[in-house]
Amino acid sequence: MINLGHVTWHAFEHALAITVFVFSMMLLVDYVSVLTRGKMESIVRGGRFRQYVGASFLGVTPGCLGAFLSVSLYMRGLLSFGAIVACMVATSGDESFVMLALFPKQALLLFAVLFVSGSFSGWLSDAVARRIGIRPSPHCEEGVFHAEHDQCRCFDREIWRWPWRLGFARILLALSLLAMLGSVAVGWIGDAAWMRVALYVLLPASTAVVLTVSDHYLREHIVAHLLRQHLARIFLWTFGALLIVEVGLEYWDAAAFVQGHMPMVLLVAALLGLIPSSGPHLVFVTLFSQGLVPFSVLLASSVVQDGHGTLPLLSHSPRDVILIKVFNLILGLALGGILYAVRL
């Protein structure tokens, strides 16, 4: 008889540790992104080859910031169709942070494969597009990169504030981060040794950021963006995926079913990647972390899915989004199928 309470609690603890890790990583990545504004766009400026490599680099950076920047440049006519395909092949959205939390070594290998695949697919997509007469929609002069990044008042000196003006939100968030640090110290969250070490570094750094940034940055970037738009969704999807997999392993021979229908699982993983959102793909991330699916399935899912990367482009050209997804689906199935055929 399955002990549902025990399984649920174990999934909750694991999901909480992952969410804390992901939030800390997202906070620090966003902070660095703000500090380096004006330099990231220079990565993709230049010839086509530099566009492919630069867009793939922006895509493979954890989270959606690099993908959003690439979409903005594409809509301004600064990136080719192949370059935006390259970015979306390389990106994995918020799942990147979860993969770093669950299997960091394999995640870094996956990112390297996605970067190379993205760079190659950019050249291939432009070549195919020219051959069959695909032309992207006319570019938009204003672009869609969110004001939080293009016109954010945090840039220059306003990202910091001294002396500190605490306020309720700042105090509550800082105390919450310190409480999580205490939970790691007493062993309540973070089973793996590397996870505890990482949280010992990330949580104090995140607390320092929370305490020293401007009110605008705290309100717009941390509370309105990271907390309200990402945190709850990441926790719920992670918890749900972990619970489904663990219940499946305890109550139903999910391992035998998955391993007996692997080609179908690979196809479903690629098709679910067409959904322009982070969340559903975490099921395959969890299955891989449990050793239930091979690297080929994870790669197929990661190539096709792009987190929220294409959402800003939908308002400009749904047709371009469909074309990008078609190219990514074909490439994802091809790469996943080849690796599956050689038992990877």
Protein backbone atom coordinates (compact mmCIF):
# COMPACT_ATOMS: atom_id res chain seq x y z
CA MET A 1 0.00 0.00 0.00
CA ILE A 2 1.44 3.35 -1.04
CA ASN A 3 2.22 5.82 1.72
CA LEU A 4 0.87 8.87 -0.09
CA GLY A 5 1.64 11.23 2.80
CA HIS A 6 5.30 10.24 2.90
CA VAL A 7 5.66 10.45 -0.89
CA THR A 8 3.93 13.86 -0.96
CA TRP A 9 6.12 15.25 1.82
CA HIS A 10 9.30 13.99 0.14
CA ALA A 11 8.25 15.60 -3.15
CA PHE A 12 7.40 18.84 -1.30
CA GLU A 13 10.81 19.00 0.41
CA HIS A 14 12.61 18.30 -2.85
CA ALA A 15 10.53 20.86 -4.76
CA LEU A 16 11.14 23.50 -2.07
CA ALA A 17 14.92 23.01 -2.24
CA ILE A 18 14.86 23.23 -6.03
CA THR A 19 12.67 26.35 -5.96
CA VAL A 20 14.96 28.11 -3.49
CA PHE A 21 17.96 27.26 -5.66
CA VAL A 22 16.18 28.40 -8.83
CA PHE A 23 14.98 31.68 -7.29
CA SER A 24 18.47 32.53 -6.03
CA MET A 25 19.99 31.75 -9.41
CA MET A 26 17.36 33.75 -11.28
CA LEU A 27 17.84 36.72 -8.96
CA LEU A 28 21.61 36.78 -9.46
CA VAL A 29 21.36 36.23 -13.23
CA ASP A 30 18.87 39.11 -13.54
CA TYR A 31 21.13 41.31 -11.39
CA VAL A 32 24.17 40.59 -13.57
CA SER A 33 22.05 41.12 -16.70
CA VAL A 34 21.10 44.60 -15.50
CA LEU A 35 24.70 45.46 -14.66
CA THR A 36 25.89 44.37 -18.11
CA ARG A 37 23.17 46.12 -20.11
CA GLY A 38 24.51 47.59 -23.32
CA LYS A 39 27.16 44.89 -23.63
CA MET A 40 24.90 41.89 -24.34
CA GLU A 41 23.59 43.30 -27.62
CA SER A 42 27.14 43.63 -28.95
CA ILE A 43 27.46 39.84 -28.73
CA VAL A 44 25.27 39.31 -31.81
CA ARG A 45 26.22 42.34 -33.89
CA GLY A 46 28.30 41.51 -36.94
CA GLY A 47 28.16 38.93 -39.72
CA ARG A 48 25.81 35.97 -39.97
CA PHE A 49 28.21 33.55 -38.27
CA ARG A 50 28.54 35.88 -35.30
CA GLN A 51 24.75 36.19 -35.19
CA TYR A 52 24.33 32.41 -35.02
CA VAL A 53 26.94 31.96 -32.31
CA GLY A 54 25.87 35.05 -30.35
CA ALA A 55 22.16 34.19 -30.48
CA SER A 56 22.92 30.63 -29.39
CA PHE A 57 24.97 31.98 -26.50
CA LEU A 58 22.13 34.26 -25.41
CA GLY A 59 19.70 31.37 -25.73
CA VAL A 60 21.73 28.94 -23.68
CA THR A 61 22.08 31.36 -20.75
CA PRO A 62 19.68 30.13 -18.02
CA GLY A 63 16.22 31.65 -17.99
CA CYS A 64 14.40 33.69 -20.63
CA LEU A 65 16.36 36.95 -20.58
CA GLY A 66 18.67 35.98 -23.45
CA ALA A 67 15.73 34.77 -25.54
CA PHE A 68 13.79 37.99 -24.89
CA LEU A 69 16.79 40.06 -25.94
CA SER A 70 17.18 38.03 -29.14
CA VAL A 71 13.48 38.49 -29.95
CA SER A 72 13.87 42.24 -29.51
CA LEU A 73 16.87 42.32 -31.85
CA TYR A 74 15.08 40.14 -34.38
CA MET A 75 12.04 42.41 -34.40
CA ARG A 76 14.31 45.37 -35.01
CA GLY A 77 15.81 43.65 -38.03
CA LEU A 78 19.20 43.09 -36.37
CA LEU A 79 19.01 39.28 -36.44
CA SER A 80 18.26 36.95 -39.32
CA PHE A 81 15.54 34.29 -39.24
CA GLY A 82 18.20 31.62 -38.77
CA ALA A 83 19.68 33.47 -35.81
CA ILE A 84 16.37 33.58 -33.94
CA VAL A 85 15.89 29.87 -34.68
CA ALA A 86 19.38 29.28 -33.28
CA CYS A 87 18.47 31.12 -30.08
CA MET A 88 15.25 29.14 -29.59
CA VAL A 89 17.02 25.84 -30.22
CA ALA A 90 19.62 26.69 -27.59
CA THR A 91 17.27 28.02 -24.90
CA SER A 92 15.50 25.90 -22.29
CA GLY A 93 13.79 28.67 -20.31
CA ASP A 94 13.33 28.28 -16.57
CA GLU A 95 13.94 24.55 -16.88
CA SER A 96 17.64 25.38 -17.19
CA PHE A 97 17.74 26.38 -13.52
CA VAL A 98 15.88 23.22 -12.46
CA MET A 99 18.28 21.05 -14.45
CA LEU A 100 21.24 22.76 -12.79
CA ALA A 101 19.62 21.94 -9.44
CA LEU A 102 18.88 18.29 -10.24
CA PHE A 103 21.84 17.16 -12.39
CA PRO A 104 24.41 19.94 -12.85
CA LYS A 105 27.04 17.92 -14.76
CA GLN A 106 24.59 16.53 -17.31
CA ALA A 107 22.92 19.96 -17.54
CA LEU A 108 26.19 21.62 -18.53
CA LEU A 109 26.75 18.90 -21.15
CA LEU A 110 23.23 19.50 -22.46
CA PHE A 111 23.83 23.25 -22.66
CA ALA A 112 27.02 22.65 -24.66
CA VAL A 113 25.15 20.38 -27.09
CA LEU A 114 22.33 22.94 -27.40
CA PHE A 115 24.83 25.73 -28.08
CA VAL A 116 26.50 23.79 -30.89
CA SER A 117 23.14 22.62 -32.26
CA GLY A 118 21.78 26.15 -32.16
CA SER A 119 24.76 27.60 -34.00
CA PHE A 120 24.52 24.96 -36.72
CA SER A 121 20.73 25.18 -36.98
CA GLY A 122 20.96 28.95 -37.50
CA TRP A 123 23.04 28.49 -40.65
CA LEU A 124 20.86 25.59 -41.82
CA SER A 125 17.60 27.46 -41.20
CA ASP A 126 18.73 30.51 -43.18
CA ALA A 127 19.88 28.26 -46.03
CA VAL A 128 16.55 26.39 -46.10
CA ALA A 129 14.56 29.62 -45.75
CA ARG A 130 16.33 31.14 -48.76
CA ARG A 131 15.83 27.95 -50.77
CA ILE A 132 12.06 27.70 -50.20
CA GLY A 133 11.40 31.45 -50.16
CA ILE A 134 10.60 32.03 -46.47
CA ARG A 135 10.83 35.69 -45.53
CA PRO A 136 10.41 36.96 -41.97
CA SER A 137 7.83 39.62 -41.21
CA PRO A 138 8.92 43.27 -41.58
CA HIS A 139 10.88 44.39 -38.58
CA CYS A 140 9.51 46.70 -35.93
CA GLU A 141 11.53 49.80 -35.14
CA GLU A 142 10.52 49.88 -31.51
CA GLY A 143 10.88 46.20 -30.70
CA VAL A 144 9.22 44.51 -27.76
CA PHE A 145 11.96 44.03 -25.25
CA HIS A 146 10.22 44.83 -22.00
CA ALA A 147 10.67 48.29 -20.52
CA GLU A 148 12.13 46.57 -17.53
CA HIS A 149 15.21 45.92 -19.67
CA ASP A 150 15.20 48.67 -22.32
CA GLN A 151 14.18 51.66 -20.24
CA CYS A 152 14.68 50.45 -16.71
CA ARG A 153 15.47 53.16 -14.18
CA CYS A 154 17.71 50.68 -12.39
CA PHE A 155 20.57 51.24 -14.78
CA ASP A 156 23.52 53.46 -14.03
CA ARG A 157 23.65 54.23 -10.29
CA GLU A 158 20.02 53.53 -9.44
CA ILE A 159 20.45 49.77 -9.12
CA TRP A 160 21.94 50.37 -5.66
CA ARG A 161 20.65 52.41 -2.79
CA TRP A 162 22.73 53.73 0.12
CA PRO A 163 21.91 54.19 2.88
CA TRP A 164 19.45 51.30 2.91
CA ARG A 165 15.78 52.06 3.15
CA LEU A 166 14.40 48.77 4.34
CA GLY A 167 10.61 48.70 4.17
CA PHE A 168 8.33 45.74 4.83
CA ALA A 169 8.86 43.89 1.52
CA ARG A 170 12.65 44.11 1.76
CA ILE A 171 12.71 42.95 5.38
CA LEU A 172 10.29 40.07 4.73
CA LEU A 173 12.19 38.84 1.69
CA ALA A 174 15.58 39.08 3.40
CA LEU A 175 14.27 37.21 6.47
CA SER A 176 12.76 34.54 4.22
CA LEU A 177 16.09 33.99 2.48
CA LEU A 178 17.88 33.79 5.82
CA ALA A 179 15.24 31.34 7.07
CA MET A 180 15.93 29.15 4.03
CA LEU A 181 19.64 29.36 4.83
CA GLY A 182 18.88 28.20 8.36
CA SER A 183 16.79 25.33 6.98
CA VAL A 184 19.76 24.23 4.89
CA ALA A 185 22.06 24.44 7.93
CA VAL A 186 19.84 22.15 10.04
CA GLY A 187 19.28 19.72 7.15
CA TRP A 188 15.60 20.40 6.46
CA ILE A 189 16.16 21.12 2.77
CA GLY A 190 18.96 20.18 0.40
CA ASP A 191 19.66 16.44 0.50
CA ALA A 192 22.70 16.46 -1.76
CA ALA A 193 25.98 17.84 -0.41
CA TRP A 194 26.62 19.92 -3.54
CA MET A 195 23.15 21.47 -3.25
CA ARG A 196 23.82 22.56 0.34
CA VAL A 197 27.18 24.06 -0.64
CA ALA A 198 25.54 25.92 -3.53
CA LEU A 199 22.80 27.29 -1.29
CA TYR A 200 25.37 28.38 1.30
CA VAL A 201 26.81 30.61 -1.46
CA LEU A 202 23.64 31.64 -3.31
CA LEU A 203 21.41 32.55 -0.37
CA PRO A 204 23.79 35.03 1.34
CA ALA A 205 24.55 36.59 -2.07
CA SER A 206 20.82 36.88 -2.81
CA THR A 207 20.20 38.43 0.60
CA ALA A 208 22.91 41.01 -0.07
CA VAL A 209 21.27 41.90 -3.39
CA VAL A 210 17.84 42.24 -1.75
CA LEU A 211 19.22 44.53 0.94
CA THR A 212 21.20 46.85 -1.32
CA VAL A 213 19.20 47.32 -4.53
CA SER A 214 17.02 50.33 -5.20
CA ASP A 215 13.31 50.38 -4.37
CA HIS A 216 12.49 50.29 -8.06
CA TYR A 217 14.63 47.22 -8.69
CA LEU A 218 13.19 45.46 -5.66
CA ARG A 219 9.63 46.28 -6.66
CA GLU A 220 9.79 45.70 -10.42
CA HIS A 221 12.44 43.04 -10.90
CA ILE A 222 12.29 40.95 -7.73
CA VAL A 223 8.70 41.24 -6.47
CA ALA A 224 6.69 41.89 -9.64
CA HIS A 225 8.79 39.74 -11.97
CA LEU A 226 10.59 36.95 -10.13
CA LEU A 227 8.19 36.40 -7.24
CA ARG A 228 4.83 36.98 -8.90
CA GLN A 229 5.54 35.67 -12.39
CA HIS A 230 7.97 32.83 -11.76
CA LEU A 231 8.24 31.57 -8.18
CA ALA A 232 4.81 29.99 -7.61
CA ARG A 233 4.69 28.46 -11.09
CA ILE A 234 8.16 26.94 -10.74
CA PHE A 235 7.31 25.42 -7.35
CA LEU A 236 3.92 24.06 -8.43
CA TRP A 237 5.19 22.54 -11.66
CA THR A 238 8.27 21.07 -9.95
CA PHE A 239 6.21 19.68 -7.07
CA GLY A 240 3.61 18.28 -9.48
CA ALA A 241 6.20 16.64 -11.72
CA LEU A 242 8.05 15.11 -8.76
CA LEU A 243 4.81 13.86 -7.21
CA ILE A 244 3.57 12.32 -10.47
CA VAL A 245 6.85 10.51 -11.04
CA GLU A 246 7.20 9.28 -7.45
CA VAL A 247 3.59 8.09 -7.24
CA GLY A 248 4.04 6.41 -10.61
CA LEU A 249 7.12 4.59 -9.38
CA GLU A 250 5.42 3.48 -6.14
CA TYR A 251 1.91 2.66 -7.30
CA TRP A 252 2.35 1.88 -10.99
CA ASP A 253 5.29 0.40 -12.83
CA ALA A 254 5.96 3.65 -14.61
CA ALA A 255 9.59 2.71 -15.29
CA ALA A 256 8.62 -0.38 -17.27
CA PHE A 257 5.94 1.50 -19.22
CA VAL A 258 8.24 4.38 -20.13
CA GLN A 259 11.12 2.12 -21.11
CA GLY A 260 8.79 -0.09 -23.14
CA HIS A 261 7.38 2.85 -25.12
CA MET A 262 10.46 5.05 -25.45
CA PRO A 263 9.91 6.12 -29.09
CA MET A 264 6.44 7.35 -28.16
CA VAL A 265 7.85 9.13 -25.10
CA LEU A 266 10.44 10.86 -27.30
CA LEU A 267 7.72 12.00 -29.71
CA VAL A 268 5.51 13.28 -26.89
CA ALA A 269 8.46 15.14 -25.34
CA ALA A 270 9.11 16.91 -28.65
CA LEU A 271 5.44 17.72 -29.25
CA LEU A 272 4.98 19.14 -25.75
CA GLY A 273 7.94 21.38 -26.52
CA LEU A 274 5.68 23.25 -28.94
CA ILE A 275 3.87 24.77 -25.92
CA PRO A 276 5.30 28.31 -25.52
CA SER A 277 5.59 28.14 -21.75
CA SER A 278 7.81 26.81 -18.99
CA GLY A 279 6.33 24.06 -16.86
CA PRO A 280 5.03 21.01 -18.75
CA HIS A 281 8.54 20.09 -19.88
CA LEU A 282 9.61 19.60 -16.26
CA VAL A 283 8.03 16.15 -16.40
CA PHE A 284 10.78 15.00 -18.76
CA VAL A 285 13.44 16.78 -16.72
CA THR A 286 12.22 14.84 -13.69
CA LEU A 287 12.07 11.55 -15.60
CA PHE A 288 15.67 12.07 -16.72
CA SER A 289 16.80 12.88 -13.19
CA GLN A 290 15.25 9.59 -12.05
CA GLY A 291 17.05 7.66 -14.78
CA LEU A 292 13.78 6.73 -16.53
CA VAL A 293 14.47 8.35 -19.91
CA PRO A 294 17.74 8.68 -21.82
CA PHE A 295 19.59 11.84 -22.78
CA SER A 296 18.02 11.73 -26.25
CA VAL A 297 14.54 12.39 -24.86
CA LEU A 298 15.76 15.30 -22.74
CA LEU A 299 17.61 16.75 -25.74
CA ALA A 300 14.57 16.49 -28.02
CA SER A 301 12.42 18.25 -25.42
CA SER A 302 15.03 20.97 -24.85
CA VAL A 303 15.59 21.69 -28.54
CA VAL A 304 11.88 22.15 -29.29
CA GLN A 305 10.82 24.00 -26.16
CA ASP A 306 11.95 27.57 -25.50
CA GLY A 307 10.27 28.49 -22.22
CA HIS A 308 8.59 31.88 -22.66
CA GLY A 309 11.08 32.93 -25.32
CA THR A 310 8.65 33.19 -28.25
CA LEU A 311 5.77 34.79 -26.34
CA PRO A 312 6.80 38.41 -27.10
CA LEU A 313 7.12 37.51 -30.79
CA LEU A 314 3.50 36.28 -30.93
CA SER A 315 2.22 39.86 -30.77
CA HIS A 316 4.39 40.81 -33.74
CA SER A 317 4.16 37.76 -36.03
CA PRO A 318 2.38 34.50 -35.13
CA ARG A 319 3.52 33.21 -38.52
CA ASP A 320 7.18 33.61 -37.58
CA VAL A 321 6.57 31.79 -34.28
CA ILE A 322 4.97 28.88 -36.15
CA LEU A 323 7.89 28.72 -38.58
CA ILE A 324 10.42 28.77 -35.74
CA LYS A 325 8.55 25.99 -33.94
CA VAL A 326 8.39 23.88 -37.12
CA PHE A 327 12.15 24.18 -37.63
CA ASN A 328 12.80 23.39 -33.97
CA LEU A 329 10.47 20.37 -33.99
CA ILE A 330 12.15 18.87 -37.05
CA LEU A 331 15.61 19.43 -35.57
CA GLY A 332 14.58 18.14 -32.13
CA LEU A 333 13.11 14.93 -33.54
CA ALA A 334 16.14 14.44 -35.79
CA LEU A 335 18.73 14.91 -33.04
CA GLY A 336 16.73 12.99 -30.47
CA GLY A 337 16.11 10.16 -32.92
CA ILE A 338 19.79 9.89 -33.86
CA LEU A 339 20.92 9.80 -30.23
CA TYR A 340 18.19 7.31 -29.34
CA ALA A 341 19.28 5.07 -32.24
CA VAL A 342 22.83 4.98 -30.84
CA ARG A 343 21.46 4.31 -27.31
CA LEU A 344 22.17 7.68 -25.74
